[in-house]
Amino acid sequence: MNSTSDLIIDSLKEEPIGETDHFIWFITDIGIVALFKREPKNEACSSNVENEANKIGLDISKEEKEFFIIREKKLFLFYS
């Protein structure tokens, strides 16, 4: 495991900043994480993640986005 993965996993132990239809949202030392609540069924979740962020007051439209699978958890990481 690398340090990025460790930072993300440690942050998932903290209180989330919000929850939407498909994601639980967390603040990490390196950015914002959108953790999938359940197995994504299609690509729609990827395109809807920005809309869901807006529902909890997050503007991630200008952030870089990366998809990770860490310890069987699927998530997006948003960072500048």
PDB file of N, CA and C in Angstrom:
ATOM      1  N   MET A   1       0.852  -1.170   0.000  1.00  0.00           N
ATOM      2  CA  MET A   1       0.000   0.000   0.000  1.00  0.00           C
ATOM      3  C   MET A   1       0.902   1.239   0.000  1.00  0.00           C
ATOM      4  N   ASN A   2       0.462   2.288  -0.677  1.00  0.00           N
ATOM      5  CA  ASN A   2       1.277   3.493  -0.717  1.00  0.00           C
ATOM      6  C   ASN A   2       0.714   4.561   0.218  1.00  0.00           C
ATOM      7  N   SER A   3       1.426   5.658   0.364  1.00  0.00           N
ATOM      8  CA  SER A   3       1.025   6.691   1.318  1.00  0.00           C
ATOM      9  C   SER A   3      -0.300   7.352   0.936  1.00  0.00           C
ATOM     10  N   THR A   4      -0.582   7.500  -0.353  1.00  0.00           N
ATOM     11  CA  THR A   4      -1.864   8.061  -0.779  1.00  0.00           C
ATOM     12  C   THR A   4      -3.014   7.178  -0.316  1.00  0.00           C
ATOM     13  N   SER A   5      -2.883   5.899  -0.532  1.00  0.00           N
ATOM     14  CA  SER A   5      -3.920   4.957  -0.105  1.00  0.00           C
ATOM     15  C   SER A   5      -4.092   4.989   1.404  1.00  0.00           C
ATOM     16  N   ASP A   6      -2.987   5.036   2.128  1.00  0.00           N
ATOM     17  CA  ASP A   6      -3.059   5.088   3.595  1.00  0.00           C
ATOM     18  C   ASP A   6      -3.785   6.340   4.070  1.00  0.00           C
ATOM     19  N   LEU A   7      -3.471   7.491   3.469  1.00  0.00           N
ATOM     20  CA  LEU A   7      -4.144   8.741   3.851  1.00  0.00           C
ATOM     21  C   LEU A   7      -5.649   8.662   3.593  1.00  0.00           C
ATOM     22  N   ILE A   8      -6.018   8.098   2.466  1.00  0.00           N
ATOM     23  CA  ILE A   8      -7.434   7.986   2.121  1.00  0.00           C
ATOM     24  C   ILE A   8      -8.144   7.053   3.090  1.00  0.00           C
ATOM     25  N   ILE A   9      -7.593   5.883   3.342  1.00  0.00           N
ATOM     26  CA  ILE A   9      -8.223   4.913   4.242  1.00  0.00           C
ATOM     27  C   ILE A   9      -8.356   5.498   5.650  1.00  0.00           C
ATOM     28  N   ASP A  10      -7.333   6.187   6.134  1.00  0.00           N
ATOM     29  CA  ASP A  10      -7.411   6.813   7.460  1.00  0.00           C
ATOM     30  C   ASP A  10      -8.523   7.854   7.515  1.00  0.00           C
ATOM     31  N   SER A  11      -8.708   8.597   6.443  1.00  0.00           N
ATOM     32  CA  SER A  11      -9.742   9.635   6.406  1.00  0.00           C
ATOM     33  C   SER A  11     -11.150   9.044   6.414  1.00  0.00           C
ATOM     34  N   LEU A  12     -11.309   7.826   5.910  1.00  0.00           N
ATOM     35  CA  LEU A  12     -12.627   7.194   5.888  1.00  0.00           C
ATOM     36  C   LEU A  12     -13.096   6.774   7.279  1.00  0.00           C
ATOM     37  N   LYS A  13     -12.194   6.853   8.254  1.00  0.00           N
ATOM     38  CA  LYS A  13     -12.558   6.562   9.643  1.00  0.00           C
ATOM     39  C   LYS A  13     -13.160   7.786  10.331  1.00  0.00           C
ATOM     40  N   GLU A  14     -12.992   8.944   9.719  1.00  0.00           N
ATOM     41  CA  GLU A  14     -13.505  10.199  10.277  1.00  0.00           C
ATOM     42  C   GLU A  14     -14.983  10.375   9.933  1.00  0.00           C
ATOM     43  N   GLU A  15     -15.587  11.384  10.524  1.00  0.00           N
ATOM     44  CA  GLU A  15     -16.988  11.712  10.251  1.00  0.00           C
ATOM     45  C   GLU A  15     -17.115  12.228   8.808  1.00  0.00           C
ATOM     46  N   PRO A  16     -18.054  11.707   8.035  1.00  0.00           N
ATOM     47  CA  PRO A  16     -18.232  12.211   6.665  1.00  0.00           C
ATOM     48  C   PRO A  16     -18.780  13.639   6.673  1.00  0.00           C
ATOM     49  N   ILE A  17     -18.535  14.351   5.577  1.00  0.00           N
ATOM     50  CA  ILE A  17     -19.052  15.720   5.459  1.00  0.00           C
ATOM     51  C   ILE A  17     -20.438  15.742   4.819  1.00  0.00           C
ATOM     52  N   GLY A  18     -20.860  14.613   4.280  1.00  0.00           N
ATOM     53  CA  GLY A  18     -22.180  14.548   3.666  1.00  0.00           C
ATOM     54  C   GLY A  18     -22.421  13.200   3.036  1.00  0.00           C
ATOM     55  N   GLU A  19     -23.669  13.027   2.625  1.00  0.00           N
ATOM     56  CA  GLU A  19     -24.071  11.784   1.978  1.00  0.00           C
ATOM     57  C   GLU A  19     -25.083  12.121   0.890  1.00  0.00           C
ATOM     58  N   THR A  20     -24.925  11.470  -0.263  1.00  0.00           N
ATOM     59  CA  THR A  20     -25.849  11.661  -1.382  1.00  0.00           C
ATOM     60  C   THR A  20     -26.363  10.289  -1.810  1.00  0.00           C
ATOM     61  N   ASP A  21     -27.081  10.256  -2.913  1.00  0.00           N
ATOM     62  CA  ASP A  21     -27.698   9.004  -3.358  1.00  0.00           C
ATOM     63  C   ASP A  21     -26.703   7.861  -3.522  1.00  0.00           C
ATOM     64  N   HIS A  22     -25.547   8.139  -4.120  1.00  0.00           N
ATOM     65  CA  HIS A  22     -24.596   7.081  -4.444  1.00  0.00           C
ATOM     66  C   HIS A  22     -23.285   7.139  -3.672  1.00  0.00           C
ATOM     67  N   PHE A  23     -23.043   8.235  -2.929  1.00  0.00           N
ATOM     68  CA  PHE A  23     -21.732   8.445  -2.316  1.00  0.00           C
ATOM     69  C   PHE A  23     -21.823   8.910  -0.872  1.00  0.00           C
ATOM     70  N   ILE A  24     -20.761   8.592  -0.127  1.00  0.00           N
ATOM     71  CA  ILE A  24     -20.508   9.193   1.173  1.00  0.00           C
ATOM     72  C   ILE A  24     -19.252  10.040   0.978  1.00  0.00           C
ATOM     73  N   TRP A  25     -19.292  11.278   1.444  1.00  0.00           N
ATOM     74  CA  TRP A  25     -18.247  12.257   1.153  1.00  0.00           C
ATOM     75  C   TRP A  25     -17.365  12.506   2.371  1.00  0.00           C
ATOM     76  N   PHE A  26     -16.044  12.575   2.122  1.00  0.00           N
ATOM     77  CA  PHE A  26     -15.066  12.770   3.186  1.00  0.00           C
ATOM     78  C   PHE A  26     -14.038  13.816   2.762  1.00  0.00           C
ATOM     79  N   ILE A  27     -13.505  14.519   3.761  1.00  0.00           N
ATOM     80  CA  ILE A  27     -12.361  15.410   3.555  1.00  0.00           C
ATOM     81  C   ILE A  27     -11.113  14.622   3.925  1.00  0.00           C
ATOM     82  N   THR A  28     -10.089  14.707   3.092  1.00  0.00           N
ATOM     83  CA  THR A  28      -8.806  14.063   3.389  1.00  0.00           C
ATOM     84  C   THR A  28      -7.718  15.123   3.357  1.00  0.00           C
ATOM     85  N   ASP A  29      -6.507  14.725   3.710  1.00  0.00           N
ATOM     86  CA  ASP A  29      -5.374  15.645   3.651  1.00  0.00           C
ATOM     87  C   ASP A  29      -4.991  15.993   2.221  1.00  0.00           C
ATOM     88  N   ILE A  30      -5.471  15.201   1.254  1.00  0.00           N
ATOM     89  CA  ILE A  30      -5.083  15.444  -0.141  1.00  0.00           C
ATOM     90  C   ILE A  30      -6.245  15.852  -1.034  1.00  0.00           C
ATOM     91  N   GLY A  31      -7.449  15.883  -0.504  1.00  0.00           N
ATOM     92  CA  GLY A  31      -8.591  16.289  -1.315  1.00  0.00           C
ATOM     93  C   GLY A  31      -9.900  15.773  -0.753  1.00  0.00           C
ATOM     94  N   ILE A  32     -10.897  15.735  -1.598  1.00  0.00           N
ATOM     95  CA  ILE A  32     -12.236  15.280  -1.227  1.00  0.00           C
ATOM     96  C   ILE A  32     -12.454  13.896  -1.819  1.00  0.00           C
ATOM     97  N   VAL A  33     -13.009  13.007  -1.009  1.00  0.00           N
ATOM     98  CA  VAL A  33     -13.265  11.641  -1.448  1.00  0.00           C
ATOM     99  C   VAL A  33     -14.768  11.402  -1.527  1.00  0.00           C
ATOM    100  N   ALA A  34     -15.200  10.812  -2.636  1.00  0.00           N
ATOM    101  CA  ALA A  34     -16.580  10.344  -2.805  1.00  0.00           C
ATOM    102  C   ALA A  34     -16.522   8.820  -2.794  1.00  0.00           C
ATOM    103  N   LEU A  35     -16.943   8.223  -1.682  1.00  0.00           N
ATOM    104  CA  LEU A  35     -16.914   6.776  -1.503  1.00  0.00           C
ATOM    105  C   LEU A  35     -18.237   6.191  -1.984  1.00  0.00           C
ATOM    106  N   PHE A  36     -18.175   5.225  -2.881  1.00  0.00           N
ATOM    107  CA  PHE A  36     -19.392   4.574  -3.365  1.00  0.00           C
ATOM    108  C   PHE A  36     -20.083   3.869  -2.207  1.00  0.00           C
ATOM    109  N   LYS A  37     -21.393   4.066  -2.083  1.00  0.00           N
ATOM    110  CA  LYS A  37     -22.169   3.392  -1.058  1.00  0.00           C
ATOM    111  C   LYS A  37     -22.383   1.920  -1.389  1.00  0.00           C
ATOM    112  N   ARG A  38     -22.499   1.627  -2.666  1.00  0.00           N
ATOM    113  CA  ARG A  38     -22.715   0.252  -3.134  1.00  0.00           C
ATOM    114  C   ARG A  38     -22.045   0.113  -4.495  1.00  0.00           C
ATOM    115  N   GLU A  39     -22.018  -1.084  -4.985  1.00  0.00           N
ATOM    116  CA  GLU A  39     -21.377  -1.365  -6.271  1.00  0.00           C
ATOM    117  C   GLU A  39     -21.998  -0.510  -7.380  1.00  0.00           C
ATOM    118  N   PRO A  40     -21.178   0.244  -8.110  1.00  0.00           N
ATOM    119  CA  PRO A  40     -21.740   1.041  -9.206  1.00  0.00           C
ATOM    120  C   PRO A  40     -22.291   0.120 -10.298  1.00  0.00           C
ATOM    121  N   LYS A  41     -23.487   0.439 -10.782  1.00  0.00           N
ATOM    122  CA  LYS A  41     -24.136  -0.408 -11.787  1.00  0.00           C
ATOM    123  C   LYS A  41     -23.782  -0.011 -13.207  1.00  0.00           C
ATOM    124  N   ASN A  42     -23.369   1.236 -13.393  1.00  0.00           N
ATOM    125  CA  ASN A  42     -23.029   1.695 -14.736  1.00  0.00           C
ATOM    126  C   ASN A  42     -22.160   2.942 -14.658  1.00  0.00           C
ATOM    127  N   GLU A  43     -21.867   3.493 -15.806  1.00  0.00           N
ATOM    128  CA  GLU A  43     -21.027   4.688 -15.876  1.00  0.00           C
ATOM    129  C   GLU A  43     -21.759   5.946 -15.410  1.00  0.00           C
ATOM    130  N   ALA A  44     -23.067   5.868 -15.206  1.00  0.00           N
ATOM    131  CA  ALA A  44     -23.833   7.046 -14.808  1.00  0.00           C
ATOM    132  C   ALA A  44     -23.333   7.614 -13.488  1.00  0.00           C
ATOM    133  N   CYS A  45     -22.890   6.775 -12.594  1.00  0.00           N
ATOM    134  CA  CYS A  45     -22.387   7.264 -11.303  1.00  0.00           C
ATOM    135  C   CYS A  45     -21.188   8.183 -11.502  1.00  0.00           C
ATOM    136  N   SER A  46     -20.344   7.850 -12.452  1.00  0.00           N
ATOM    137  CA  SER A  46     -19.180   8.674 -12.709  1.00  0.00           C
ATOM    138  C   SER A  46     -19.579  10.055 -13.217  1.00  0.00           C
ATOM    139  N   SER A  47     -20.566  10.099 -14.082  1.00  0.00           N
ATOM    140  CA  SER A  47     -20.992  11.389 -14.617  1.00  0.00           C
ATOM    141  C   SER A  47     -21.880  12.150 -13.635  1.00  0.00           C
ATOM    142  N   ASN A  48     -22.532  11.455 -12.710  1.00  0.00           N
ATOM    143  CA  ASN A  48     -23.408  12.108 -11.736  1.00  0.00           C
ATOM    144  C   ASN A  48     -22.682  12.593 -10.491  1.00  0.00           C
ATOM    145  N   VAL A  49     -21.432  12.233 -10.319  1.00  0.00           N
ATOM    146  CA  VAL A  49     -20.741  12.557  -9.086  1.00  0.00           C
ATOM    147  C   VAL A  49     -20.672  14.069  -8.863  1.00  0.00           C
ATOM    148  N   GLU A  50     -20.480  14.857  -9.906  1.00  0.00           N
ATOM    149  CA  GLU A  50     -20.445  16.314  -9.742  1.00  0.00           C
ATOM    150  C   GLU A  50     -21.806  16.859  -9.332  1.00  0.00           C
ATOM    151  N   ASN A  51     -22.882  16.327  -9.925  1.00  0.00           N
ATOM    152  CA  ASN A  51     -24.228  16.764  -9.547  1.00  0.00           C
ATOM    153  C   ASN A  51     -24.519  16.435  -8.093  1.00  0.00           C
ATOM    154  N   GLU A  52     -24.100  15.260  -7.661  1.00  0.00           N
ATOM    155  CA  GLU A  52     -24.327  14.873  -6.276  1.00  0.00           C
ATOM    156  C   GLU A  52     -23.503  15.734  -5.321  1.00  0.00           C
ATOM    157  N   ALA A  53     -22.292  16.108  -5.724  1.00  0.00           N
ATOM    158  CA  ALA A  53     -21.468  17.002  -4.897  1.00  0.00           C
ATOM    159  C   ALA A  53     -22.167  18.339  -4.705  1.00  0.00           C
ATOM    160  N   ASN A  54     -22.785  18.843  -5.763  1.00  0.00           N
ATOM    161  CA  ASN A  54     -23.499  20.116  -5.662  1.00  0.00           C
ATOM    162  C   ASN A  54     -24.644  20.053  -4.655  1.00  0.00           C
ATOM    163  N   LYS A  55     -25.264  18.890  -4.518  1.00  0.00           N
ATOM    164  CA  LYS A  55     -26.379  18.730  -3.571  1.00  0.00           C
ATOM    165  C   LYS A  55     -25.957  18.952  -2.126  1.00  0.00           C
ATOM    166  N   ILE A  56     -24.676  18.732  -1.832  1.00  0.00           N
ATOM    167  CA  ILE A  56     -24.197  18.972  -0.465  1.00  0.00           C
ATOM    168  C   ILE A  56     -23.283  20.197  -0.399  1.00  0.00           C
ATOM    169  N   GLY A  57     -23.358  21.046  -1.415  1.00  0.00           N
ATOM    170  CA  GLY A  57     -22.656  22.321  -1.400  1.00  0.00           C
ATOM    171  C   GLY A  57     -21.193  22.270  -1.804  1.00  0.00           C
ATOM    172  N   LEU A  58     -20.782  21.238  -2.514  1.00  0.00           N
ATOM    173  CA  LEU A  58     -19.398  21.141  -2.973  1.00  0.00           C
ATOM    174  C   LEU A  58     -19.314  21.465  -4.464  1.00  0.00           C
ATOM    175  N   ASP A  59     -18.375  22.349  -4.817  1.00  0.00           N
ATOM    176  CA  ASP A  59     -18.106  22.627  -6.228  1.00  0.00           C
ATOM    177  C   ASP A  59     -16.790  21.952  -6.590  1.00  0.00           C
ATOM    178  N   ILE A  60     -16.881  20.815  -7.243  1.00  0.00           N
ATOM    179  CA  ILE A  60     -15.681  20.058  -7.615  1.00  0.00           C
ATOM    180  C   ILE A  60     -15.418  20.125  -9.114  1.00  0.00           C
ATOM    181  N   SER A  61     -16.104  21.025  -9.791  1.00  0.00           N
ATOM    182  CA  SER A  61     -16.039  21.088 -11.259  1.00  0.00           C
ATOM    183  C   SER A  61     -14.639  21.403 -11.793  1.00  0.00           C
ATOM    184  N   LYS A  62     -13.802  22.088 -11.012  1.00  0.00           N
ATOM    185  CA  LYS A  62     -12.464  22.453 -11.483  1.00  0.00           C
ATOM    186  C   LYS A  62     -11.379  21.559 -10.898  1.00  0.00           C
ATOM    187  N   GLU A  63     -11.776  20.566 -10.142  1.00  0.00           N
ATOM    188  CA  GLU A  63     -10.819  19.668  -9.499  1.00  0.00           C
ATOM    189  C   GLU A  63     -10.440  18.514 -10.427  1.00  0.00           C
ATOM    190  N   GLU A  64      -9.248  18.001 -10.224  1.00  0.00           N
ATOM    191  CA  GLU A  64      -8.828  16.773 -10.892  1.00  0.00           C
ATOM    192  C   GLU A  64      -9.596  15.628 -10.251  1.00  0.00           C
ATOM    193  N   LYS A  65      -9.909  14.585 -11.026  1.00  0.00           N
ATOM    194  CA  LYS A  65     -10.658  13.449 -10.505  1.00  0.00           C
ATOM    195  C   LYS A  65      -9.923  12.161 -10.845  1.00  0.00           C
ATOM    196  N   GLU A  66      -9.748  11.314  -9.826  1.00  0.00           N
ATOM    197  CA  GLU A  66      -9.142   9.995 -10.040  1.00  0.00           C
ATOM    198  C   GLU A  66     -10.012   8.942  -9.370  1.00  0.00           C
ATOM    199  N   PHE A  67     -10.116   7.784 -10.009  1.00  0.00           N
ATOM    200  CA  PHE A  67     -10.848   6.656  -9.462  1.00  0.00           C
ATOM    201  C   PHE A  67      -9.865   5.701  -8.804  1.00  0.00           C
ATOM    202  N   PHE A  68     -10.193   5.226  -7.617  1.00  0.00           N
ATOM    203  CA  PHE A  68      -9.350   4.284  -6.889  1.00  0.00           C
ATOM    204  C   PHE A  68     -10.183   3.105  -6.406  1.00  0.00           C
ATOM    205  N   ILE A  69      -9.535   1.959  -6.286  1.00  0.00           N
ATOM    206  CA  ILE A  69     -10.072   0.828  -5.538  1.00  0.00           C
ATOM    207  C   ILE A  69      -9.022   0.520  -4.477  1.00  0.00           C
ATOM    208  N   ILE A  70      -9.391   0.733  -3.222  1.00  0.00           N
ATOM    209  CA  ILE A  70      -8.481   0.526  -2.105  1.00  0.00           C
ATOM    210  C   ILE A  70      -9.175  -0.382  -1.100  1.00  0.00           C
ATOM    211  N   ARG A  71      -8.582  -1.498  -0.836  1.00  0.00           N
ATOM    212  CA  ARG A  71      -9.164  -2.473   0.097  1.00  0.00           C
ATOM    213  C   ARG A  71     -10.632  -2.756  -0.235  1.00  0.00           C
ATOM    214  N   GLU A  72     -10.876  -2.976  -1.499  1.00  0.00           N
ATOM    215  CA  GLU A  72     -12.199  -3.297  -2.034  1.00  0.00           C
ATOM    216  C   GLU A  72     -13.217  -2.157  -1.913  1.00  0.00           C
ATOM    217  N   LYS A  73     -12.763  -0.965  -1.574  1.00  0.00           N
ATOM    218  CA  LYS A  73     -13.631   0.210  -1.541  1.00  0.00           C
ATOM    219  C   LYS A  73     -13.403   0.995  -2.829  1.00  0.00           C
ATOM    220  N   LYS A  74     -14.496   1.351  -3.501  1.00  0.00           N
ATOM    221  CA  LYS A  74     -14.400   2.133  -4.745  1.00  0.00           C
ATOM    222  C   LYS A  74     -14.705   3.583  -4.421  1.00  0.00           C
ATOM    223  N   LEU A  75     -13.883   4.474  -4.978  1.00  0.00           N
ATOM    224  CA  LEU A  75     -14.045   5.890  -4.647  1.00  0.00           C
ATOM    225  C   LEU A  75     -13.439   6.776  -5.717  1.00  0.00           C
ATOM    226  N   PHE A  76     -13.879   8.015  -5.682  1.00  0.00           N
ATOM    227  CA  PHE A  76     -13.252   9.077  -6.479  1.00  0.00           C
ATOM    228  C   PHE A  76     -12.521   9.993  -5.523  1.00  0.00           C
ATOM    229  N   LEU A  77     -11.352  10.447  -5.934  1.00  0.00           N
ATOM    230  CA  LEU A  77     -10.593  11.453  -5.209  1.00  0.00           C
ATOM    231  C   LEU A  77     -10.561  12.704  -6.056  1.00  0.00           C
ATOM    232  N   PHE A  78     -10.939  13.836  -5.466  1.00  0.00           N
ATOM    233  CA  PHE A  78     -10.917  15.138  -6.135  1.00  0.00           C
ATOM    234  C   PHE A  78      -9.857  15.990  -5.463  1.00  0.00           C
ATOM    235  N   TYR A  79      -8.985  16.600  -6.262  1.00  0.00           N
ATOM    236  CA  TYR A  79      -7.897  17.416  -5.732  1.00  0.00           C
ATOM    237  C   TYR A  79      -7.504  18.478  -6.746  1.00  0.00           C
ATOM    238  N   SER A  80      -6.784  19.491  -6.276  1.00  0.00           N
ATOM    239  CA  SER A  80      -6.299  20.561  -7.154  1.00  0.00           C
ATOM    240  C   SER A  80      -4.840  20.343  -7.466  1.00  0.00           C
TER     241      SER A  80
END
